Structure formats: structure tokens, C-alpha cells
Amino acid sequence: MEIFLASANLDEIKKAYSLPIAGVLTNSSIIKKEEMKLTELVKGIDEIGNLPFGLQIVATEEHQMMEETRLFHSMLHHRVLHLKIPYCPDAFKIIPNLQHTNMVLNLTGVSSLAQACIALESGIDYLSIYIGRVTNAGGDGVRLLKNIKQFADYNRKPTRILAASIRNIDHLEEVALAGADAVAIPYPLLLESMESEVTQQSITGFKKDWQAIDMG
């Protein structure tokens, strides 16, 4: 399962680069938190490394969607653009024009199996499900992901199913067991996922015993 960092914070991205992440994904809400000019922020992230970097289109009309795509592509020089495309009718107009570029295409905001059935026919690279948002709206985000993944596998669709809007460790473990191909998680959750009292006790015990050994 690929792990993407959901952050636009330069310090978090730098620290996360020492961990086995697959890339960095953002959206307008994540970027807004940094209170920086977009060009300066993206330039800073672009210079950190060479993993794919995700930017989210906010327009829903073909012409504007292509304008935003060109803007995002022009801002990156060291990374592959992981283009996040909102699920809307015009998304299926721009996808064919972008599939033979070096961009990674991710259709976001899928919230039903019916939507996924249509999206998977487009041959998109990734399909993103906002687990937390679906659940907050009264649905079952994990069950939705599991059903979409089963449908994709049964129909031999190569699209990778990505779980986003992951709020806690329980969600992370549940989507992993449900078959998610990828997840996007914030930096604090990434760190928390590596913590375990049992693991720390084991390490402490081994250190203590090692120090007690007569090295001769």
C-alpha cells in the first residue's frame, strides 16, 4: 500500500522524506493553512525532492480545468505532477487529453459505487475516496472503499484505489484491511502510525540486556 503525505508544510515534507512515502498530495484547504503565496510554496516543495507532488483542480468546467492544469504543470520542474481532478462531467473531457502526458491522474471525491463504475472506465491512474467525509455524511467510507476495490479487481481495472480523509489510526488500519492501494495521511498521523508501546518496550529491553553483556 502506497503512503502519500497529505501536507503542504515544508518542514513536514522535509522530515517525511526520510520515510517510505510515495509522494506528497495537497488540496486548496491544505495549502491555505500555510499562509504563503502559492508560487513560493510550490517552489519550495518542488525543490525538496523528486517524488510526485499533487495539486487539486478546483474548477469544474473543461476550459478552466485545463487552464489550472497548465498552471500547475508550469510550476513544477523537479517532480511529476500528480493531478487531482474533481469528479464532475467535464473531468471525462480532459482525462483523454492528459493520459499521454507524464502526469499522474487522480479522480477525487468519489462517494458512491455508481460513480466509481463510471470513473474506472476512464482508465484513470488513481481514484480517491474521502473516507472521513463519506462517513460524516452518514455513509460508511471503509465499506465503500472495500466495495469499489472488489469491483475494480473483479473487472481487472488497473486504477489504484486511494483512501483520503483518514482521521485516525483505526481508519488507517481499516482501509488497509479493506484493500486500499494507497492512502493519503497527514504528518502527525504518519508519525503516530509508527508508534507502539510494545515496540518501545522491546527496544528498551534489548538495550538493557545488551549493556549487561560482558563483551570480553
Protein backbone atom coordinates (compact mmCIF):
# COMPACT_ATOMS: atom_id res chain seq x y z
CA MET A 1 0.00 0.00 0.00
CA GLU A 2 1.47 3.32 -1.07
CA ILE A 3 1.57 6.05 1.56
CA PHE A 4 1.23 9.66 0.45
CA LEU A 5 1.81 12.59 2.77
CA ALA A 6 -1.18 14.95 2.89
CA SER A 7 0.61 18.20 3.67
CA ALA A 8 1.94 21.43 2.19
CA ASN A 9 4.12 22.23 5.19
CA LEU A 10 7.76 22.50 4.12
CA ASP A 11 9.18 21.22 7.41
CA GLU A 12 6.83 18.23 7.48
CA ILE A 13 7.66 17.34 3.89
CA LYS A 14 11.39 17.54 4.53
CA LYS A 15 11.08 15.25 7.57
CA ALA A 16 8.75 12.83 5.78
CA TYR A 17 11.30 12.37 3.00
CA SER A 18 13.31 10.11 5.32
CA LEU A 19 10.30 7.77 5.48
CA PRO A 20 8.98 5.43 2.77
CA ILE A 21 6.36 7.75 1.28
CA ALA A 22 5.22 7.64 -2.34
CA GLY A 23 4.69 11.36 -2.76
CA VAL A 24 3.02 14.49 -1.40
CA LEU A 25 -0.63 15.37 -2.03
CA THR A 26 -2.37 18.68 -1.33
CA ASN A 27 -5.61 20.49 -1.95
CA SER A 28 -6.68 24.10 -1.56
CA SER A 29 -7.61 23.60 2.11
CA ILE A 30 -4.20 22.12 2.93
CA ILE A 31 -2.38 24.89 1.05
CA LYS A 32 -4.44 27.64 2.68
CA LYS A 33 -3.19 26.60 6.12
CA GLU A 34 0.39 27.55 5.20
CA GLU A 35 -0.49 31.23 4.58
CA MET A 36 2.07 31.56 1.78
CA LYS A 37 1.86 32.70 -1.81
CA LEU A 38 1.11 29.69 -3.98
CA THR A 39 4.10 30.20 -6.26
CA GLU A 40 6.51 30.46 -3.33
CA LEU A 41 5.06 27.44 -1.56
CA VAL A 42 5.09 25.20 -4.62
CA LYS A 43 8.63 26.34 -5.49
CA GLY A 44 9.78 25.40 -2.00
CA ILE A 45 8.14 21.99 -2.16
CA ASP A 46 9.42 21.39 -5.68
CA GLU A 47 13.00 21.92 -4.52
CA ILE A 48 12.81 19.45 -1.63
CA GLY A 49 12.96 16.29 -3.71
CA ASN A 50 11.67 14.43 -6.73
CA LEU A 51 8.66 12.44 -5.53
CA PRO A 52 5.31 13.14 -7.26
CA PHE A 53 3.53 16.22 -5.97
CA GLY A 54 -0.25 16.55 -6.03
CA LEU A 55 -2.25 19.70 -6.73
CA GLN A 56 -6.05 19.79 -6.84
CA ILE A 57 -8.06 21.33 -9.68
CA VAL A 58 -10.99 23.30 -8.25
CA ALA A 59 -12.73 24.25 -11.50
CA THR A 60 -15.46 22.01 -12.92
CA GLU A 61 -15.67 23.35 -16.48
CA GLU A 62 -13.36 21.98 -19.16
CA HIS A 63 -11.67 25.22 -20.22
CA GLN A 64 -10.90 26.34 -16.67
CA MET A 65 -9.79 22.86 -15.68
CA MET A 66 -7.24 22.84 -18.49
CA GLU A 67 -6.05 26.32 -17.50
CA GLU A 68 -5.40 25.17 -13.95
CA THR A 69 -3.64 22.06 -15.24
CA ARG A 70 -1.29 24.15 -17.38
CA LEU A 71 -0.60 26.46 -14.43
CA PHE A 72 0.24 23.57 -12.10
CA HIS A 73 2.44 21.89 -14.70
CA SER A 74 4.38 25.10 -15.31
CA MET A 75 5.18 25.45 -11.60
CA LEU A 76 6.96 22.11 -11.21
CA HIS A 77 10.47 21.48 -12.53
CA HIS A 78 11.80 18.59 -10.42
CA ARG A 79 8.71 16.50 -9.80
CA VAL A 80 5.99 14.63 -11.65
CA LEU A 81 2.64 16.41 -11.29
CA HIS A 82 0.07 14.23 -9.53
CA LEU A 83 -3.00 16.00 -10.89
CA LYS A 84 -6.07 15.72 -8.67
CA ILE A 85 -9.21 16.11 -10.77
CA PRO A 86 -12.63 16.67 -9.15
CA TYR A 87 -15.30 14.15 -10.06
CA CYS A 88 -17.61 16.01 -12.47
CA PRO A 89 -18.87 15.52 -16.05
CA ASP A 90 -16.14 17.68 -17.61
CA ALA A 91 -13.45 15.62 -15.89
CA PHE A 92 -14.09 12.96 -18.50
CA LYS A 93 -13.46 15.52 -21.25
CA ILE A 94 -9.97 16.42 -20.06
CA ILE A 95 -8.77 12.98 -18.95
CA PRO A 96 -8.23 11.62 -22.50
CA ASN A 97 -6.14 14.70 -23.38
CA LEU A 98 -3.88 14.20 -20.37
CA GLN A 99 -3.37 10.45 -20.35
CA HIS A 100 -0.39 10.52 -22.68
CA THR A 101 1.50 13.14 -20.70
CA ASN A 102 3.92 12.49 -17.86
CA MET A 103 1.28 13.50 -15.29
CA VAL A 104 -0.32 11.14 -12.80
CA LEU A 105 -4.11 11.48 -12.94
CA ASN A 106 -6.24 11.13 -9.82
CA LEU A 107 -10.04 11.47 -9.89
CA THR A 108 -11.09 12.73 -6.46
CA GLY A 109 -14.24 12.99 -4.38
CA VAL A 110 -15.81 9.70 -5.46
CA SER A 111 -18.55 8.94 -2.95
CA SER A 112 -20.56 6.06 -4.42
CA LEU A 113 -20.02 2.76 -6.21
CA ALA A 114 -22.04 4.08 -9.16
CA GLN A 115 -19.61 6.98 -9.58
CA ALA A 116 -16.69 4.59 -9.33
CA CYS A 117 -18.10 2.33 -12.05
CA ILE A 118 -18.04 5.26 -14.47
CA ALA A 119 -14.69 6.59 -13.28
CA LEU A 120 -12.94 3.24 -13.69
CA GLU A 121 -13.90 3.15 -17.36
CA SER A 122 -11.80 6.27 -17.94
CA GLY A 123 -8.55 4.43 -17.22
CA ILE A 124 -7.57 6.96 -14.55
CA ASP A 125 -4.36 6.23 -12.58
CA TYR A 126 -5.91 6.78 -9.14
CA LEU A 127 -9.43 7.06 -7.78
CA SER A 128 -9.71 8.83 -4.43
CA ILE A 129 -12.36 8.21 -1.79
CA TYR A 130 -12.70 10.66 1.12
CA ILE A 131 -13.31 8.12 3.86
CA GLY A 132 -13.96 10.60 6.65
CA ARG A 133 -16.26 12.81 4.61
CA VAL A 134 -18.34 9.91 3.36
CA THR A 135 -18.72 8.61 6.90
CA ASN A 136 -19.59 12.05 8.29
CA ALA A 137 -22.32 12.35 5.66
CA GLY A 138 -23.97 9.22 7.02
CA GLY A 139 -22.30 6.62 4.82
CA ASP A 140 -19.66 4.02 5.53
CA GLY A 141 -16.42 5.17 3.93
CA VAL A 142 -14.48 1.98 4.62
CA ARG A 143 -17.24 -0.25 3.23
CA LEU A 144 -17.45 1.95 0.15
CA LEU A 145 -13.73 1.61 -0.45
CA LYS A 146 -13.90 -2.17 0.00
CA ASN A 147 -16.78 -2.46 -2.48
CA ILE A 148 -15.05 -0.27 -5.07
CA LYS A 149 -11.79 -2.20 -4.69
CA GLN A 150 -13.60 -5.53 -5.11
CA PHE A 151 -15.41 -4.22 -8.19
CA ALA A 152 -12.17 -2.91 -9.71
CA ASP A 153 -10.33 -6.18 -9.09
CA TYR A 154 -13.20 -8.31 -10.40
CA ASN A 155 -13.27 -6.27 -13.61
CA ARG A 156 -9.48 -6.18 -13.84
CA LYS A 157 -9.24 -2.41 -13.75
CA PRO A 158 -5.66 -1.14 -13.23
CA THR A 159 -6.75 2.04 -11.42
CA ARG A 160 -5.34 2.30 -7.90
CA ILE A 161 -7.90 2.98 -5.16
CA LEU A 162 -6.68 5.70 -2.81
CA ALA A 163 -8.14 6.37 0.63
CA ALA A 164 -8.04 10.01 1.72
CA SER A 165 -9.60 11.98 4.57
CA ILE A 166 -8.15 9.48 7.04
CA ARG A 167 -8.77 10.84 10.54
CA ASN A 168 -7.17 8.31 12.89
CA ILE A 169 -5.24 5.06 13.25
CA ASP A 170 -8.42 2.98 13.27
CA HIS A 171 -9.40 4.41 9.87
CA LEU A 172 -5.90 3.77 8.54
CA GLU A 173 -5.90 0.14 9.63
CA GLU A 174 -9.45 -0.41 8.39
CA VAL A 175 -8.74 0.88 4.87
CA ALA A 176 -5.55 -1.18 4.76
CA LEU A 177 -7.54 -4.33 5.54
CA ALA A 178 -10.24 -3.25 3.05
CA GLY A 179 -7.64 -3.40 0.28
CA ALA A 180 -6.70 0.23 -0.34
CA ASP A 181 -3.88 0.51 -2.87
CA ALA A 182 -2.81 3.84 -1.42
CA VAL A 183 -3.59 6.25 1.40
CA ALA A 184 -3.03 9.97 1.94
CA ILE A 185 -2.45 10.86 5.58
CA PRO A 186 -1.27 13.97 7.47
CA TYR A 187 2.16 14.09 9.06
CA PRO A 188 1.00 13.66 12.69
CA LEU A 189 -0.88 10.50 11.74
CA LEU A 190 2.14 9.24 9.81
CA LEU A 191 4.24 9.57 12.95
CA GLU A 192 1.54 8.06 15.15
CA SER A 193 1.30 5.04 12.88
CA MET A 194 4.90 4.16 13.73
CA GLU A 195 4.41 4.38 17.49
CA SER A 196 3.80 1.38 19.74
CA GLU A 197 4.36 0.94 23.46
CA VAL A 198 5.13 -2.74 22.94
CA THR A 199 7.74 -1.93 20.30
CA GLN A 200 9.37 0.66 22.55
CA GLN A 201 9.42 -1.78 25.48
CA SER A 202 11.13 -4.37 23.28
CA ILE A 203 13.79 -1.89 22.16
CA THR A 204 14.39 -0.73 25.74
CA GLY A 205 14.68 -4.31 26.95
CA PHE A 206 17.18 -5.27 24.25
CA LYS A 207 19.30 -2.20 25.02
CA LYS A 208 19.32 -3.01 28.72
CA ASP A 209 20.31 -6.63 28.10
CA TRP A 210 22.99 -5.58 25.59
CA GLN A 211 24.57 -3.29 28.15
CA ALA A 212 24.68 -6.18 30.63
CA ILE A 213 26.65 -8.43 28.28
CA ASP A 214 30.34 -8.95 29.02
CA MET A 215 31.92 -8.00 25.70
CA GLY A 216 35.15 -9.80 26.64
